[in-house]
Protein backbone atom coordinates (compact mmCIF):
# COMPACT_ATOMS: atom_id res chain seq x y z
CA MET A 1 -63.50 47.63 -36.58
CA ALA A 2 -61.88 50.64 -38.29
CA SER A 3 -58.89 48.51 -39.32
CA ASN A 4 -61.25 45.94 -40.87
CA ARG A 5 -62.87 48.70 -42.95
CA ALA A 6 -59.45 49.98 -44.05
CA SER A 7 -58.39 46.46 -45.02
CA ALA A 8 -61.61 45.91 -46.94
CA PHE A 9 -61.19 49.26 -48.72
CA LEU A 10 -57.59 48.38 -49.72
CA ALA A 11 -58.72 44.98 -51.00
CA VAL A 12 -61.46 46.56 -53.10
CA ALA A 13 -59.07 49.24 -54.46
CA ALA A 14 -56.47 46.61 -55.35
CA GLY A 15 -59.13 44.55 -57.09
CA MET A 16 -60.28 47.56 -59.08
CA LEU A 17 -56.72 48.33 -60.20
CA ALA A 18 -56.13 44.73 -61.20
CA GLY A 19 -59.44 44.73 -63.09
CA ALA A 20 -58.53 47.96 -64.89
CA GLY A 21 -55.18 46.48 -65.90
CA LEU A 22 -56.86 43.33 -67.18
CA GLY A 23 -59.37 45.49 -69.07
CA VAL A 24 -56.53 47.36 -70.83
CA ILE A 25 -54.93 44.07 -71.83
CA ILE A 26 -58.24 42.75 -73.18
CA LEU A 27 -59.02 46.00 -74.98
CA PHE A 28 -55.63 46.52 -76.59
CA GLY A 29 -54.37 42.94 -76.60
CA LEU A 30 -50.94 41.62 -75.72
CA GLY A 31 -49.82 41.71 -79.34
CA ASN A 32 -49.93 45.51 -79.58
CA LEU A 33 -46.72 46.30 -77.78
CA ASP A 34 -45.52 48.75 -80.46
CA LEU A 35 -46.62 51.63 -78.23
CA LEU A 36 -44.29 50.42 -75.48
CA ALA A 37 -41.46 49.95 -77.97
CA SER A 38 -41.91 53.52 -79.20
CA LEU A 39 -41.29 54.81 -75.67
CA LYS A 40 -37.80 53.29 -75.58
CA SER A 41 -34.66 55.21 -76.46
CA PRO A 42 -33.82 55.13 -80.19
CA TRP A 43 -30.34 53.91 -79.21
CA GLU A 44 -31.47 51.13 -76.90
CA ASN A 45 -30.72 48.41 -79.45
CA GLN A 46 -27.30 49.80 -80.32
CA PRO A 47 -24.27 48.34 -78.62
CA ALA A 48 -22.82 50.35 -75.76
CA PRO A 49 -19.78 52.48 -76.63
CA LYS A 50 -16.58 50.50 -76.05
CA VAL A 51 -12.90 51.20 -75.69
CA GLY A 52 -11.21 50.73 -79.05
CA TYR A 53 -14.26 51.76 -81.09
CA SER A 54 -15.37 55.10 -82.52
CA ALA A 55 -17.15 57.38 -80.09
CA PRO A 56 -20.79 57.95 -81.03
CA ASP A 57 -21.08 61.42 -82.51
CA PHE A 58 -23.41 64.01 -81.02
CA GLU A 59 -24.08 67.72 -80.98
CA LEU A 60 -25.36 69.75 -78.05
CA ASN A 61 -25.57 73.40 -77.09
CA ASN A 62 -23.19 74.92 -74.57
CA LEU A 63 -24.20 77.48 -71.96
CA ALA A 64 -23.65 80.30 -74.48
CA GLY A 65 -26.15 78.68 -76.87
CA GLU A 66 -23.48 77.60 -79.37
CA THR A 67 -23.69 74.16 -80.96
CA ILE A 68 -20.76 71.85 -80.18
CA LYS A 69 -20.35 68.69 -82.27
CA LEU A 70 -17.98 65.96 -81.08
CA SER A 71 -16.72 65.07 -84.59
CA ASN A 72 -15.71 68.72 -85.17
CA LEU A 73 -13.11 68.32 -82.41
CA ARG A 74 -11.13 65.60 -84.20
CA GLY A 75 -7.40 66.23 -84.10
CA LYS A 76 -7.37 66.71 -80.32
CA PRO A 77 -8.16 64.29 -77.52
CA VAL A 78 -11.56 64.94 -75.96
CA LEU A 79 -12.70 64.06 -72.46
CA ILE A 80 -16.48 63.58 -72.41
CA ASN A 81 -17.61 63.85 -68.80
CA PHE A 82 -21.22 63.03 -67.91
CA TRP A 83 -22.20 64.71 -64.65
CA ALA A 84 -24.90 66.38 -62.56
CA THR A 85 -24.92 69.23 -60.05
CA TRP A 86 -26.61 66.97 -57.45
CA CYS A 87 -23.90 64.29 -57.81
CA GLY A 88 -21.40 64.47 -54.93
CA PRO A 89 -18.52 62.71 -56.76
CA CYS A 90 -19.14 64.96 -59.80
CA ARG A 91 -18.77 68.03 -57.61
CA LEU A 92 -15.53 66.66 -56.16
CA GLU A 93 -13.90 65.87 -59.51
CA MET A 94 -14.78 69.12 -61.33
CA PRO A 95 -11.96 71.19 -59.77
CA ASP A 96 -9.43 68.49 -60.79
CA LEU A 97 -10.79 68.47 -64.34
CA GLN A 98 -10.51 72.25 -64.46
CA LYS A 99 -6.95 72.20 -63.11
CA ILE A 100 -5.76 69.63 -65.68
CA TYR A 101 -7.58 71.46 -68.47
CA GLU A 102 -5.70 74.64 -67.55
CA ASN A 103 -2.36 72.83 -67.16
CA TYR A 104 -2.60 71.34 -70.66
CA GLN A 105 -3.39 74.75 -72.20
CA GLY A 106 -5.69 73.68 -75.02
CA ASP A 107 -3.98 70.39 -75.93
CA PHE A 108 -7.24 68.56 -75.27
CA GLU A 109 -10.91 69.43 -74.92
CA VAL A 110 -13.36 68.72 -72.14
CA LEU A 111 -17.06 68.35 -72.88
CA ALA A 112 -18.97 68.29 -69.60
CA VAL A 113 -22.39 66.88 -70.55
CA ASN A 114 -24.94 67.74 -67.88
CA ALA A 115 -27.67 65.36 -66.74
CA ASP A 116 -30.73 67.13 -68.18
CA GLU A 117 -30.90 69.84 -65.52
CA GLN A 118 -32.24 73.37 -65.89
CA GLU A 119 -29.82 75.73 -67.62
CA ARG A 120 -29.85 78.27 -64.79
CA ILE A 121 -28.81 75.61 -62.24
CA VAL A 122 -26.01 74.34 -64.50
CA ALA A 123 -24.79 77.87 -65.29
CA LYS A 124 -24.66 78.83 -61.61
CA PHE A 125 -22.72 75.67 -60.75
CA ALA A 126 -20.22 76.25 -63.60
CA LYS A 127 -19.71 79.86 -62.53
CA ASP A 128 -19.29 78.97 -58.84
CA ILE A 129 -16.68 76.29 -59.64
CA GLY A 130 -14.93 78.45 -62.25
CA ILE A 131 -15.30 76.04 -65.15
CA THR A 132 -13.76 77.31 -68.39
CA PHE A 133 -14.19 74.18 -70.53
CA GLU A 134 -17.37 73.43 -72.50
CA VAL A 135 -20.43 72.70 -70.37
CA LEU A 136 -23.11 71.14 -72.54
CA LEU A 137 -26.84 70.82 -71.95
CA ASP A 138 -28.48 67.48 -72.80
CA PRO A 139 -32.25 68.11 -72.80
CA GLY A 140 -34.07 64.81 -72.48
CA ALA A 141 -30.75 63.06 -71.69
CA ASN A 142 -30.53 61.80 -75.27
CA VAL A 143 -26.74 61.77 -75.46
CA GLN A 144 -26.60 60.06 -72.08
CA SER A 145 -28.91 57.38 -73.49
CA LEU A 146 -26.70 57.11 -76.57
CA TYR A 147 -23.69 56.46 -74.30
CA GLN A 148 -25.79 54.08 -72.15
CA LEU A 149 -24.70 55.53 -68.83
CA ARG A 150 -24.95 53.47 -65.68
CA GLY A 151 -24.11 56.24 -63.20
CA TYR A 152 -22.50 59.60 -62.57
CA PRO A 153 -19.86 60.66 -63.11
CA THR A 154 -18.84 58.67 -66.17
CA SER A 155 -16.07 59.83 -68.50
CA PHE A 156 -14.86 58.74 -71.91
CA LEU A 157 -11.46 59.80 -73.26
CA VAL A 158 -11.57 59.96 -77.04
CA ASP A 159 -8.30 60.13 -78.99
CA GLN A 160 -7.40 62.44 -81.88
CA GLU A 161 -9.05 60.09 -84.41
CA GLY A 162 -12.34 59.83 -82.52
CA VAL A 163 -11.70 56.42 -80.93
CA ILE A 164 -12.60 55.77 -77.29
CA ARG A 165 -9.39 54.98 -75.39
CA VAL A 166 -10.68 55.10 -71.79
CA GLN A 167 -14.02 54.66 -70.08
CA HIS A 168 -13.95 55.70 -66.41
CA ILE A 169 -16.97 55.18 -64.18
CA GLY A 170 -16.96 57.07 -60.89
CA ILE A 171 -14.90 59.94 -59.57
CA MET A 172 -11.70 60.61 -61.51
CA HIS A 173 -8.79 62.12 -59.63
CA GLU A 174 -6.14 64.40 -61.10
CA ALA A 175 -3.45 61.68 -61.25
CA GLN A 176 -5.79 59.32 -63.09
CA LEU A 177 -6.62 61.91 -65.73
CA VAL A 178 -2.92 62.70 -66.22
CA GLU A 179 -2.27 58.98 -66.72
CA TYR A 180 -5.14 58.69 -69.20
CA LEU A 181 -3.90 61.70 -71.17
CA ALA A 182 -0.45 60.08 -71.40
CA GLU A 183 -2.17 57.07 -73.03
CA VAL A 184 -3.23 59.36 -75.91
CA GLY A 185 0.20 61.00 -76.20
CA LEU A 186 -0.15 64.04 -73.92
CA SER A 187 2.23 64.59 -71.04
CA ARG A 188 3.52 67.41 -68.87
C-alpha cells in the first residue's frame, strides 16, 4: 500500500512539473527564445580555432595580477595549454611542460590557462609543481569558450606570427612538445 502511495505521489509531482512547463510555454510563447540565446557564449557562432589560422586573441590575469595579452607575445612561439588542477592528465604533463620551458630558456612562452578554478587552488598547485611559466586565470571560462574546448588538457602551439600550428588534445609528453617546437623552428 505504501508503494502505491509513493507511485501516486510521483505521478502527481510529474504531472505538476509538466503542467508548469506547459504554463511557461503558454505564458512566454515558443517564439520568445531570445532569452535562451542570450545565455549562450558570445563566441558560440564563431568557427572553432584551426591549424593554419590566426589564434583568437585574449587577455587574462596571471597569478600576480598582471594582464597578459596573447597578441603582445608575437615574435615568439606560444604554447597555450588549457588545464585544471582536478585533471589527472593535466597534472601528469605539467612537469614535462616545465622541463621543456626551462630547456628552451625563453625561446618560447607557455600560457597555462586554468579551468575557472579559485585562485588559491591554482596558486597552490603551481607552487607545488614548481611552475615558472605564466599561469592564467580564466574567470567564467570565457577564453575556453572562445577556443571551443572539448576536454582537458588541450594545447595550441601558436607560431611567431600568431598562427596556430598545432592543436593537441590530451596529455602531451616531452618528446611530442619537442617535435612540435621543431615545427615552428625551435630545436635543441
